[in-house]
Amino acid sequence: MKLGKKGKWVALIAAMIGVIVMALALFGHKVVHTEIVIPAPPAEVWAVLTDAPRYEEWNPVLVRVEGAYREGAELTNLVREPSGKESVMTSTVIRMTDERELNQFGGIRGLLTFDHQWLLEPVDGGTRVIQHEEYRGLGVWFWDASWVEPAYSKANEALRGRMAQLKAR
């Protein structure tokens, strides 16, 4: 089948659009990073972070987690934005190192993915808790993630409050 002059232009424009969309998907990237020091040992912080059924008692962002934290497990997460809007997302635990790291991945590759880590580091006076999340894909260019970092900071504060509450018991 021969393409006429008009058909060649249409094919060229379609190819250029395809390249642009692929580039946006490949180079779409955002990072969220929060830290807090909690006056409790990593083992105690870890116990709270990996107790999925109790998230709704303290976590203002991940208000419900269904599933068990273990490598390879798929979890269903109910996420609440500061506006009150709730979304259900699934994630897979891709790495779990006791008292050090809980790493989850989810989304649709190329469109929008998230790679979320809870990292625990022993420090003088307790544990440095880091939430680090990277978003990739085409959707990064169109999604307003400005609410995530402040929300994760609030989750960190809520975790510190939960640890204080447990210590007071």
Protein backbone atom coordinates (compact mmCIF):
# COMPACT_ATOMS: atom_id res chain seq x y z
CA MET A 1 0.00 0.00 0.00
CA LYS A 2 1.41 3.36 -1.07
CA LEU A 3 0.94 6.40 1.09
CA GLY A 4 0.22 9.64 -0.64
CA LYS A 5 1.86 12.92 0.39
CA LYS A 6 -0.94 13.61 2.89
CA GLY A 7 -0.69 10.08 4.35
CA LYS A 8 3.07 10.47 4.84
CA TRP A 9 2.51 13.70 6.77
CA VAL A 10 -0.14 12.10 8.94
CA ALA A 11 2.17 9.14 9.66
CA LEU A 12 5.05 11.50 10.49
CA ILE A 13 2.90 13.60 12.83
CA ALA A 14 1.53 10.45 14.52
CA ALA A 15 5.08 9.16 15.01
CA MET A 16 6.20 12.49 16.46
CA ILE A 17 3.25 12.52 18.87
CA GLY A 18 4.10 8.94 19.87
CA VAL A 19 7.73 9.92 20.58
CA ILE A 20 6.60 12.92 22.65
CA VAL A 21 4.17 10.81 24.70
CA MET A 22 6.86 8.17 25.29
CA ALA A 23 9.36 10.84 26.36
CA LEU A 24 6.85 12.36 28.78
CA ALA A 25 6.19 8.91 30.24
CA LEU A 26 9.89 8.12 30.57
CA PHE A 27 10.95 11.45 32.02
CA GLY A 28 7.96 12.20 34.25
CA HIS A 29 9.37 12.16 37.78
CA LYS A 30 8.47 13.70 41.14
CA VAL A 31 9.92 13.05 44.59
CA VAL A 32 8.43 13.51 48.05
CA HIS A 33 10.72 13.28 51.08
CA THR A 34 9.90 13.83 54.76
CA GLU A 35 11.80 13.07 57.95
CA ILE A 36 11.15 13.11 61.69
CA VAL A 37 12.99 11.87 64.76
CA ILE A 38 10.85 9.86 67.13
CA PRO A 39 12.04 9.20 70.69
CA ALA A 40 11.58 5.43 70.49
CA PRO A 41 13.82 2.57 69.34
CA PRO A 42 13.45 1.30 65.75
CA ALA A 43 11.88 -1.98 66.93
CA GLU A 44 8.97 -0.13 68.55
CA VAL A 45 8.45 2.18 65.56
CA TRP A 46 8.63 -0.83 63.23
CA ALA A 47 5.96 -2.63 65.24
CA VAL A 48 3.55 0.28 64.68
CA LEU A 49 4.42 0.72 60.99
CA THR A 50 3.84 -2.94 60.20
CA ASP A 51 0.58 -3.23 62.13
CA ALA A 52 -1.68 -2.59 59.12
CA PRO A 53 -5.04 -3.15 60.88
CA ARG A 54 -4.30 -0.30 63.31
CA TYR A 55 -3.44 2.36 60.70
CA GLU A 56 -6.93 3.82 60.93
CA GLU A 57 -6.26 4.55 64.62
CA TRP A 58 -3.40 6.97 63.91
CA ASN A 59 -2.51 7.53 60.24
CA PRO A 60 -4.29 10.54 58.64
CA VAL A 61 -3.14 9.62 55.10
CA LEU A 62 -3.23 5.82 54.87
CA VAL A 63 -6.44 5.51 56.82
CA ARG A 64 -6.93 1.82 56.06
CA VAL A 65 -4.56 -0.88 54.86
CA GLU A 66 -5.89 -4.31 53.98
CA GLY A 67 -3.36 -7.11 53.81
CA ALA A 68 -0.29 -8.12 55.75
CA TYR A 69 3.09 -6.50 55.44
CA ARG A 70 5.41 -9.14 54.01
CA GLU A 71 7.54 -9.23 50.87
CA GLY A 72 5.48 -9.99 47.79
CA ALA A 73 2.16 -9.22 49.49
CA GLU A 74 -0.42 -7.11 47.68
CA LEU A 75 -2.09 -4.48 49.84
CA THR A 76 -5.19 -2.38 49.34
CA ASN A 77 -4.71 1.14 50.70
CA LEU A 78 -7.37 3.74 51.39
CA VAL A 79 -5.65 7.12 51.01
CA ARG A 80 -7.21 10.30 52.35
CA GLU A 81 -6.09 13.65 50.97
CA PRO A 82 -6.25 16.75 53.23
CA SER A 83 -9.34 17.82 51.26
CA GLY A 84 -11.11 14.68 52.51
CA LYS A 85 -11.07 13.02 49.08
CA GLU A 86 -10.39 9.30 49.40
CA SER A 87 -8.81 6.97 46.84
CA VAL A 88 -8.18 3.25 46.84
CA MET A 89 -4.78 2.14 45.59
CA THR A 90 -3.11 -1.22 45.50
CA SER A 91 0.56 -1.75 46.19
CA THR A 92 2.98 -4.61 46.42
CA VAL A 93 5.56 -4.92 49.17
CA ILE A 94 8.76 -5.24 47.17
CA ARG A 95 11.26 -5.04 50.01
CA MET A 96 11.02 -5.42 53.75
CA THR A 97 13.97 -5.37 56.10
CA ASP A 98 12.96 -5.68 59.74
CA GLU A 99 13.31 -2.45 61.69
CA ARG A 100 14.91 -0.71 58.65
CA GLU A 101 12.83 -0.54 55.47
CA LEU A 102 9.32 -1.06 54.18
CA ASN A 103 9.16 -0.49 50.41
CA GLN A 104 5.93 -0.62 48.40
CA PHE A 105 5.33 -0.15 44.69
CA GLY A 106 2.13 0.40 42.77
CA GLY A 107 0.42 2.09 39.86
CA ILE A 108 0.48 1.50 36.12
CA ARG A 109 3.91 1.54 34.47
CA GLY A 110 4.23 4.31 31.93
CA LEU A 111 1.10 6.04 33.17
CA LEU A 112 1.77 6.72 36.87
CA THR A 113 3.67 4.64 39.42
CA PHE A 114 4.69 5.23 43.00
CA ASP A 115 7.60 3.75 44.91
CA HIS A 116 7.07 4.45 48.63
CA GLN A 117 9.63 3.75 51.35
CA TRP A 118 9.48 3.96 55.10
CA LEU A 119 13.10 4.03 56.26
CA LEU A 120 14.13 3.76 59.91
CA GLU A 121 17.57 4.83 61.14
CA PRO A 122 18.69 4.56 64.76
CA VAL A 123 19.93 7.95 66.03
CA ASP A 124 20.79 9.41 69.40
CA GLY A 125 17.51 9.78 71.23
CA GLY A 126 15.46 7.45 69.05
CA THR A 127 14.72 6.72 65.41
CA ARG A 128 14.88 8.89 62.31
CA VAL A 129 11.80 8.01 60.26
CA ILE A 130 11.95 8.86 56.58
CA GLN A 131 9.14 8.65 54.08
CA HIS A 132 10.52 8.79 50.57
CA GLU A 133 8.30 8.39 47.53
CA GLU A 134 9.03 8.66 43.83
CA TYR A 135 6.40 9.03 41.15
CA ARG A 136 7.08 8.21 37.51
CA GLY A 137 5.18 8.17 34.27
CA LEU A 138 3.09 10.29 31.96
CA GLY A 139 0.59 11.15 34.70
CA VAL A 140 3.26 12.99 36.70
CA TRP A 141 2.98 15.87 34.23
CA PHE A 142 -0.74 16.26 34.92
CA TRP A 143 -1.14 15.30 38.58
CA ASP A 144 -0.93 17.91 41.32
CA ALA A 145 1.08 16.17 44.04
CA SER A 146 1.59 19.34 46.10
CA TRP A 147 -0.59 17.95 48.92
CA VAL A 148 1.50 14.80 49.43
CA GLU A 149 4.57 16.15 51.22
CA PRO A 150 2.59 18.16 53.83
CA ALA A 151 0.28 15.16 54.32
CA TYR A 152 3.23 12.81 54.84
CA SER A 153 4.69 15.28 57.37
CA LYS A 154 1.37 15.08 59.24
CA ALA A 155 1.53 11.28 59.08
CA ASN A 156 5.04 11.47 60.57
CA GLU A 157 3.73 13.68 63.38
CA ALA A 158 0.84 11.28 63.93
CA LEU A 159 3.30 8.39 64.14
CA ARG A 160 5.29 10.29 66.77
CA GLY A 161 2.01 10.93 68.65
CA ARG A 162 1.08 7.24 68.41
CA MET A 163 4.46 6.25 69.82
CA ALA A 164 4.02 8.68 72.73
CA GLN A 165 0.51 7.34 73.34
CA LEU A 166 1.78 3.75 73.46
CA LYS A 167 4.64 4.70 75.76
CA ALA A 168 2.22 6.39 78.19
CA ARG A 169 0.17 3.20 78.60
